[in-house]
Amino acid sequence: MPGTTERYGKGWRYRAQIGVDPGTGRRRWVTKGGFTSEREARKALNRVLVDAEAGLVATRSSARLGTYLLEWLDRFEVDLKPTTAAGYRRAVKKLDAQLGYVRLQELTPVMIEGTYFSMVKEGLAPKSIRNTHAVLRRAMGNAAVERAKRSVCRRHPKDLPALVGTRFTGGDDGL
């Protein structure tokens, strides 16, 4: 896949071809600027090309986490038992209230951990927080699978924060 670096204003930028759109057959390009040197731009270009080769580059999307979670739940709810579906719906409602506005591609582990900490401060039971985490992890796992098809997100479920130790167990750890 080709790519190039070039002078842009007072800095440098790269432009990389990251594949072909299967729907239209047209080339897909990524451009990023703001680099202070050509070497810095070339390094970033190489990283993008390696990621594109591995299928890890997502196109821009305005999809929000809340919208995605609701659509995901609607698709998978038919395969769940009624009580499981109700629990998933409660978890999605909690996540939508706190993170629903975040673009799916901009979701970070720090944002997720902040949400879990706020749930602890609100007095939610540790089990409820773990259940919410499990639902988010499953939904993001499906988003990672869909990433190749629709460029939904950039993060893989392994990038989500882990619930380990007494961090979210409600123990006396200063929260």
Protein backbone atom coordinates (compact mmCIF):
# COMPACT_ATOMS: atom_id res chain seq x y z
CA MET A 1 0.00 0.00 0.00
CA PRO A 2 1.48 3.31 -1.03
CA GLY A 3 2.00 6.35 1.12
CA THR A 4 3.84 9.63 1.04
CA THR A 5 5.06 12.42 3.30
CA GLU A 6 5.03 16.04 2.27
CA ARG A 7 5.57 19.54 3.54
CA TYR A 8 2.32 21.12 4.70
CA GLY A 9 2.38 24.69 5.95
CA LYS A 10 5.12 24.90 8.57
CA GLY A 11 5.03 21.17 9.31
CA TRP A 12 4.76 17.79 7.66
CA ARG A 13 1.93 15.40 6.90
CA TYR A 14 1.46 11.93 5.51
CA ARG A 15 -1.06 10.46 3.13
CA ALA A 16 -1.53 6.70 3.01
CA GLN A 17 -3.68 4.40 0.95
CA ILE A 18 -5.23 1.96 3.42
CA GLY A 19 -7.12 -0.33 1.10
CA VAL A 20 -10.12 -0.42 -1.18
CA ASP A 21 -13.71 0.24 -0.16
CA PRO A 22 -15.52 -3.05 -0.88
CA GLY A 23 -18.79 -1.26 -1.60
CA THR A 24 -17.55 1.27 -4.13
CA GLY A 25 -14.23 -0.20 -5.26
CA ARG A 26 -12.55 3.17 -4.62
CA ARG A 27 -9.25 3.59 -2.79
CA ARG A 28 -9.41 4.60 0.88
CA TRP A 29 -6.93 7.24 2.03
CA VAL A 30 -5.86 8.52 5.44
CA THR A 31 -4.17 11.90 5.87
CA LYS A 32 -2.72 13.31 9.07
CA GLY A 33 -0.67 16.44 9.57
CA GLY A 34 0.94 18.44 12.32
CA PHE A 35 4.29 16.67 12.43
CA THR A 36 7.37 18.77 13.16
CA SER A 37 9.73 16.74 11.00
CA GLU A 38 9.63 14.52 7.96
CA ARG A 39 11.09 11.68 10.00
CA GLU A 40 8.23 11.92 12.53
CA ALA A 41 5.66 11.91 9.71
CA ARG A 42 7.38 8.93 8.05
CA LYS A 43 7.29 6.94 11.33
CA ALA A 44 3.57 7.65 11.73
CA LEU A 45 2.97 6.71 8.10
CA ASN A 46 4.74 3.38 8.61
CA ARG A 47 2.62 2.65 11.70
CA VAL A 48 -0.58 3.38 9.75
CA LEU A 49 0.50 1.18 6.87
CA VAL A 50 1.30 -1.71 9.24
CA ASP A 51 -2.07 -1.25 10.98
CA ALA A 52 -3.85 -1.10 7.62
CA GLU A 53 -2.18 -4.33 6.57
CA ALA A 54 -3.44 -5.95 9.80
CA GLY A 55 -6.94 -4.52 9.25
CA LEU A 56 -6.80 -2.24 12.30
CA VAL A 57 -7.45 1.13 10.66
CA ALA A 58 -11.04 2.30 10.98
CA THR A 59 -12.58 5.00 8.86
CA ARG A 60 -14.14 7.97 10.59
CA SER A 61 -17.52 7.33 12.06
CA SER A 62 -19.89 9.48 14.08
CA ALA A 63 -21.49 6.46 15.80
CA ARG A 64 -22.08 7.06 19.51
CA LEU A 65 -21.64 4.41 22.18
CA GLY A 66 -25.22 4.76 23.43
CA THR A 67 -26.69 4.31 19.97
CA TYR A 68 -24.41 1.37 19.23
CA LEU A 69 -25.26 -0.36 22.52
CA LEU A 70 -29.00 -0.02 21.93
CA GLU A 71 -28.70 -1.34 18.36
CA TRP A 72 -26.44 -4.16 19.55
CA LEU A 73 -28.89 -5.14 22.26
CA ASP A 74 -31.81 -5.12 19.82
CA ARG A 75 -29.89 -7.51 17.55
CA PHE A 76 -28.76 -9.93 20.26
CA GLU A 77 -31.73 -9.75 22.63
CA VAL A 78 -33.66 -12.39 20.69
CA ASP A 79 -31.01 -15.00 21.57
CA LEU A 80 -31.14 -14.23 25.31
CA LYS A 81 -33.39 -15.49 28.07
CA PRO A 82 -35.85 -12.83 29.27
CA THR A 83 -34.09 -12.31 32.61
CA THR A 84 -30.68 -12.04 30.93
CA ALA A 85 -32.08 -9.57 28.41
CA ALA A 86 -33.54 -7.48 31.24
CA GLY A 87 -30.15 -7.42 32.99
CA TYR A 88 -28.41 -6.41 29.76
CA ARG A 89 -30.98 -3.67 29.22
CA ARG A 90 -30.30 -2.29 32.73
CA ALA A 91 -26.55 -2.32 32.07
CA VAL A 92 -26.98 -0.61 28.69
CA LYS A 93 -29.17 2.03 30.32
CA LYS A 94 -26.43 2.77 32.92
CA LEU A 95 -23.74 2.95 30.25
CA ASP A 96 -25.90 5.10 27.97
CA ALA A 97 -26.55 7.58 30.78
CA GLN A 98 -22.83 8.09 31.45
CA LEU A 99 -21.04 7.34 28.18
CA GLY A 100 -23.78 7.44 25.55
CA TYR A 101 -22.56 10.74 24.12
CA VAL A 102 -19.01 9.45 23.41
CA ARG A 103 -18.14 8.59 19.82
CA LEU A 104 -17.41 4.89 19.68
CA GLN A 105 -13.99 5.49 18.13
CA GLU A 106 -13.03 7.92 20.90
CA LEU A 107 -13.92 5.62 23.80
CA THR A 108 -10.90 5.07 26.03
CA PRO A 109 -10.19 2.78 28.99
CA VAL A 110 -9.83 5.87 31.19
CA MET A 111 -13.40 6.94 30.34
CA ILE A 112 -14.69 3.46 31.15
CA GLU A 113 -12.83 3.32 34.46
CA GLY A 114 -14.21 6.76 35.34
CA THR A 115 -17.69 5.45 34.72
CA TYR A 116 -17.08 2.46 36.97
CA PHE A 117 -15.72 4.72 39.73
CA SER A 118 -18.77 6.97 39.49
CA MET A 119 -20.98 3.87 39.78
CA VAL A 120 -19.12 2.94 42.97
CA LYS A 121 -19.64 6.46 44.33
CA GLU A 122 -23.36 6.24 43.49
CA GLY A 123 -23.53 3.17 45.70
CA LEU A 124 -24.05 0.51 43.04
CA ALA A 125 -23.29 -3.01 44.18
CA PRO A 126 -19.98 -4.46 42.99
CA LYS A 127 -21.87 -7.27 41.24
CA SER A 128 -23.88 -4.70 39.24
CA ILE A 129 -20.67 -3.02 38.13
CA ARG A 130 -19.15 -6.36 37.10
CA ASN A 131 -22.32 -7.20 35.17
CA THR A 132 -22.21 -3.81 33.43
CA HIS A 133 -18.57 -4.44 32.54
CA ALA A 134 -19.43 -7.86 31.14
CA VAL A 135 -22.14 -6.38 28.91
CA LEU A 136 -19.82 -3.63 27.66
CA ARG A 137 -17.06 -6.15 27.01
CA ARG A 138 -19.41 -8.39 25.02
CA ALA A 139 -20.77 -5.46 23.01
CA MET A 140 -17.27 -4.18 22.26
CA GLY A 141 -16.25 -7.69 21.25
CA ASN A 142 -19.02 -7.64 18.68
CA ALA A 143 -17.94 -4.15 17.62
CA ALA A 144 -14.42 -5.48 17.06
CA VAL A 145 -15.82 -8.21 14.81
CA GLU A 146 -17.92 -5.65 12.95
CA ARG A 147 -14.90 -3.35 12.68
CA ALA A 148 -13.66 -5.21 9.65
CA LYS A 149 -17.07 -5.02 8.02
CA ARG A 150 -18.24 -1.51 8.90
CA SER A 151 -15.30 0.27 10.58
CA VAL A 152 -17.21 0.62 13.83
CA CYS A 153 -14.46 1.14 16.40
CA ARG A 154 -10.72 1.23 16.93
CA ARG A 155 -10.49 -0.54 20.27
CA HIS A 156 -10.50 -4.25 20.91
CA PRO A 157 -12.09 -5.71 24.07
CA LYS A 158 -8.64 -6.63 25.39
CA ASP A 159 -8.03 -2.88 25.64
CA LEU A 160 -10.88 -2.44 28.13
CA PRO A 161 -9.83 -2.01 31.75
CA ALA A 162 -9.77 -5.23 33.72
CA LEU A 163 -11.80 -5.60 36.89
CA VAL A 164 -9.12 -6.96 39.19
CA GLY A 165 -8.39 -6.93 42.89
CA THR A 166 -10.54 -4.85 45.20
CA ARG A 167 -10.77 -2.01 42.75
CA PHE A 168 -14.52 -2.35 42.09
CA THR A 169 -15.50 -4.70 44.87
CA GLY A 170 -16.73 -2.01 47.23
CA GLY A 171 -13.86 -2.55 49.67
CA ASP A 172 -12.55 0.32 51.79
CA ASP A 173 -10.07 1.72 49.29
CA GLY A 174 -10.80 5.42 49.63
CA LEU A 175 -13.68 5.64 47.18
